[in-house]
Protein backbone atom coordinates (compact mmCIF):
# COMPACT_ATOMS: atom_id res chain seq x y z
CA MET A 1 0.00 0.00 0.00
CA ARG A 2 2.74 2.40 0.99
CA LEU A 3 4.78 1.73 -2.18
CA GLY A 4 1.69 2.35 -4.31
CA LEU A 5 1.09 5.70 -2.62
CA HIS A 6 4.68 6.82 -3.23
CA ALA A 7 4.47 5.73 -6.86
CA ALA A 8 1.22 7.67 -7.31
CA VAL A 9 2.78 10.83 -5.82
CA VAL A 10 5.82 10.52 -8.11
CA VAL A 11 3.60 10.08 -11.18
CA ILE A 12 1.49 13.12 -10.23
CA LEU A 13 4.57 15.26 -9.66
CA LEU A 14 6.24 14.22 -12.92
CA SER A 15 3.13 14.81 -15.01
CA GLY A 16 2.34 18.17 -13.41
CA VAL A 17 3.21 21.69 -14.39
CA GLY A 18 6.49 21.72 -12.47
CA CYS A 19 8.34 19.66 -15.11
CA SER A 20 7.72 21.88 -18.09
CA LEU A 21 10.20 24.54 -19.12
CA PRO A 22 8.90 28.09 -19.43
CA GLY A 23 7.97 29.14 -22.94
CA PRO A 24 9.85 31.87 -24.77
CA LEU A 25 9.39 35.33 -23.26
CA PRO A 26 9.03 38.46 -25.40
CA LYS A 27 12.37 40.25 -25.08
CA ASP A 28 10.54 43.58 -24.98
CA GLU A 29 9.03 42.58 -21.61
CA LEU A 30 12.46 42.16 -20.01
CA VAL A 31 14.12 45.00 -18.14
CA ARG A 32 17.58 45.92 -19.45
CA ARG A 33 19.97 47.38 -16.91
CA ASP A 34 23.72 47.82 -17.46
CA GLY A 35 23.63 45.51 -20.48
CA VAL A 36 21.91 42.69 -18.54
CA TYR A 37 18.38 41.46 -19.28
CA LEU A 38 16.35 41.08 -16.08
CA HIS A 39 13.08 39.23 -15.43
CA PRO A 40 10.30 41.84 -15.25
CA VAL A 41 8.87 40.53 -11.94
CA THR A 42 11.90 39.35 -9.97
CA LEU A 43 14.48 41.74 -11.51
CA GLU A 44 16.93 38.82 -11.46
CA PRO A 45 19.10 38.12 -14.54
CA TYR A 46 16.87 36.18 -16.93
CA SER A 47 17.75 32.75 -18.29
CA GLY A 48 15.66 31.17 -21.02
CA PRO A 49 14.41 31.58 -24.57
CA VAL A 50 13.33 35.03 -25.84
CA TYR A 51 11.88 36.42 -29.03
CA THR A 52 10.87 39.70 -30.64
CA THR A 53 8.22 40.31 -33.27
CA PHE A 54 7.98 42.90 -36.02
CA ALA A 55 6.18 46.05 -34.87
CA GLY A 56 2.47 45.84 -35.54
CA THR A 57 2.55 42.13 -36.45
CA PRO A 58 2.69 40.05 -33.26
CA GLY A 59 2.67 36.75 -35.15
CA ARG A 60 5.79 37.43 -37.24
CA VAL A 61 9.01 36.63 -35.37
CA GLU A 62 11.95 38.97 -35.96
CA GLU A 63 14.46 37.45 -33.52
CA ARG A 64 14.84 34.21 -31.55
CA ALA A 65 17.56 33.85 -28.98
CA SER A 66 18.49 32.33 -25.67
CA LEU A 67 19.71 34.16 -22.58
CA ARG A 68 21.70 32.86 -19.63
CA ASP A 69 22.16 35.04 -16.57
CA GLY A 70 20.90 38.04 -18.54
CA HIS A 71 23.28 37.69 -21.50
CA TYR A 72 22.91 36.11 -24.93
CA ASP A 73 24.06 32.52 -24.77
CA GLY A 74 23.32 29.89 -27.40
CA PRO A 75 21.75 30.08 -30.84
CA PHE A 76 20.62 33.47 -32.16
CA GLU A 77 18.44 33.85 -35.25
CA TRP A 78 17.24 36.98 -37.03
CA TYR A 79 14.55 36.98 -39.73
CA PHE A 80 13.59 39.16 -42.68
CA GLY A 81 10.08 40.67 -42.74
CA GLY A 82 8.84 37.89 -45.01
CA GLY A 83 9.88 35.22 -42.51
CA GLN A 84 13.10 34.08 -44.23
CA LEU A 85 16.16 33.54 -42.07
CA SER A 86 18.54 36.52 -42.24
CA LEU A 87 21.31 35.32 -39.94
CA ARG A 88 22.19 32.53 -37.57
CA GLU A 89 24.93 33.00 -34.96
CA VAL A 90 26.02 31.47 -31.67
CA TYR A 91 26.68 33.41 -28.47
CA ARG A 92 28.64 32.34 -25.41
CA ASP A 93 28.52 34.52 -22.30
CA GLY A 94 27.19 37.51 -24.24
CA ARG A 95 29.76 37.40 -27.08
CA LYS A 96 29.52 35.98 -30.56
CA ASP A 97 31.52 32.77 -30.47
CA GLY A 98 31.06 29.98 -32.97
CA PRO A 99 29.76 29.47 -36.49
CA TYR A 100 27.68 32.10 -38.26
CA GLU A 101 25.66 32.14 -41.47
CA TRP A 102 24.17 35.22 -43.17
CA TYR A 103 21.53 34.93 -45.87
CA PHE A 104 20.10 36.96 -48.74
CA SER A 105 16.36 37.75 -48.50
CA SER A 106 15.87 35.08 -51.17
CA GLY A 107 17.04 32.50 -48.62
CA LYS A 108 20.35 31.78 -50.36
CA LEU A 109 23.57 31.79 -48.35
CA TYR A 110 25.46 35.11 -48.36
CA GLU A 111 28.39 34.31 -46.03
CA ARG A 112 29.53 31.61 -43.63
CA GLY A 113 32.34 31.73 -41.12
CA THR A 114 33.27 31.67 -37.44
CA TYR A 115 33.36 34.12 -34.55
CA GLU A 116 35.92 33.81 -31.76
CA ASN A 117 35.47 36.05 -28.71
CA GLY A 118 33.26 38.47 -30.62
CA LYS A 119 35.46 38.79 -33.73
CA ARG A 120 35.17 37.10 -37.10
CA GLU A 121 38.13 34.72 -37.19
CA GLY A 122 39.24 31.82 -39.33
CA PRO A 123 38.07 30.58 -42.71
CA TYR A 124 35.03 32.12 -44.39
CA GLU A 125 33.15 31.85 -47.66
CA ALA A 126 31.01 34.55 -49.30
CA TYR A 127 28.62 34.04 -52.20
CA TYR A 128 26.77 35.96 -54.88
CA GLU A 129 23.01 35.61 -54.81
CA ASN A 130 23.13 33.65 -58.09
CA ASP A 131 25.03 30.81 -56.34
CA GLY A 132 28.53 31.75 -57.46
CA MET A 133 31.38 31.97 -54.95
CA ARG A 134 32.32 35.63 -54.40
CA GLU A 135 35.21 35.19 -52.01
CA ARG A 136 36.96 32.62 -49.87
CA GLY A 137 39.59 33.46 -47.31
CA ARG A 138 40.77 33.48 -43.75
CA ARG A 139 40.23 36.27 -41.22
CA THR A 140 42.66 36.97 -38.44
CA GLY A 141 41.88 39.72 -35.96
CA ARG A 142 45.53 40.62 -35.32
CA ALA A 143 46.53 41.28 -38.92
CA GLY A 144 43.32 43.23 -39.50
CA ALA A 145 44.02 45.45 -36.49
CA GLU A 146 47.58 46.09 -37.69
CA ARG A 147 46.35 46.89 -41.21
CA ASN A 148 43.73 49.34 -39.92
CA ALA A 149 46.27 51.03 -37.63
CA ALA A 150 48.64 51.46 -40.59
CA ARG A 151 45.85 53.02 -42.69
CA ARG A 152 44.95 55.47 -39.91
CA ALA A 153 48.61 56.43 -39.46
CA ALA A 154 49.00 56.99 -43.22
CA MET A 155 45.94 59.26 -43.22
CA ARG A 156 47.41 61.30 -40.36
CA TYR A 157 50.67 61.57 -42.33
CA VAL A 158 48.79 62.96 -45.35
CA ALA A 159 46.78 65.33 -43.15
CA ARG A 160 50.08 66.95 -42.14
CA GLY A 161 50.80 67.77 -45.78
CA ARG A 162 53.19 64.92 -46.56
CA ARG A 163 52.98 62.39 -49.38
CA ALA A 164 51.22 59.20 -48.33
CA ASP A 165 53.52 56.95 -50.35
CA CYS A 166 56.43 58.15 -48.19
CA SER A 167 54.70 57.24 -44.94
CA PRO A 168 56.53 54.54 -42.95
CA SER A 169 53.10 53.29 -41.82
CA LEU A 170 51.89 52.94 -45.39
CA ARG A 171 54.98 50.94 -46.29
CA ALA A 172 54.21 48.68 -43.32
CA HIS A 173 50.58 48.42 -44.50
CA ARG A 174 51.74 47.29 -47.94
CA ARG A 175 53.82 44.55 -46.35
CA LEU A 176 50.74 43.34 -44.40
CA SER A 177 48.41 43.29 -47.44
C-alpha cells in the first residue's frame, strides 16, 4: 500500500506543471539594466528563450535567442520581414563565439564563417546571390588590427601635408596586405 502511494505521488509530480520549461518570453518585456536582461517581476538576470516580433505584427518573429544570466548565450536567429532567415549565430557569455551564417532575403547563403570572442576569425566563404562563390579566405583579428592602424597612421601623415607613399606606416601596410 505504501509503495503504491509513493508511486502515485511521483507520477502526479512528474506529469504536473512543475516539469515543463517556461515558454519563450518576449524580449521587450524584459528589463535591461547595465547591459543585462532582467526578469520583469523578480528583476533577477533572466535565463531562457526570448523572441521579438515585427512592430504591428505580433505573429511574425523577428528574432529568436536564448539568454543565460541576462546575456545572450546559445543560438541566435534573425529573420527578414517575409519570414526568411537573415542570420544565424552562436553566443557564449554575451559574445559571438562559434559558427555564423548570413543569408540573402531570397534565402540563399550570403556568407559563412566563425566568430571567436566576438570577432570574425578563421576561414570564411562569401557568395553571390546567383550561387557563385564571391570570395573565400581566412580572417585573423591581429593582422586586420595592424592593417587598420597602418591606414589610420597613413591618413594622419597625409593630413600633415606629406605624401602618403612616403609614410613609414603605409609601407608597413603594404607589407601586411
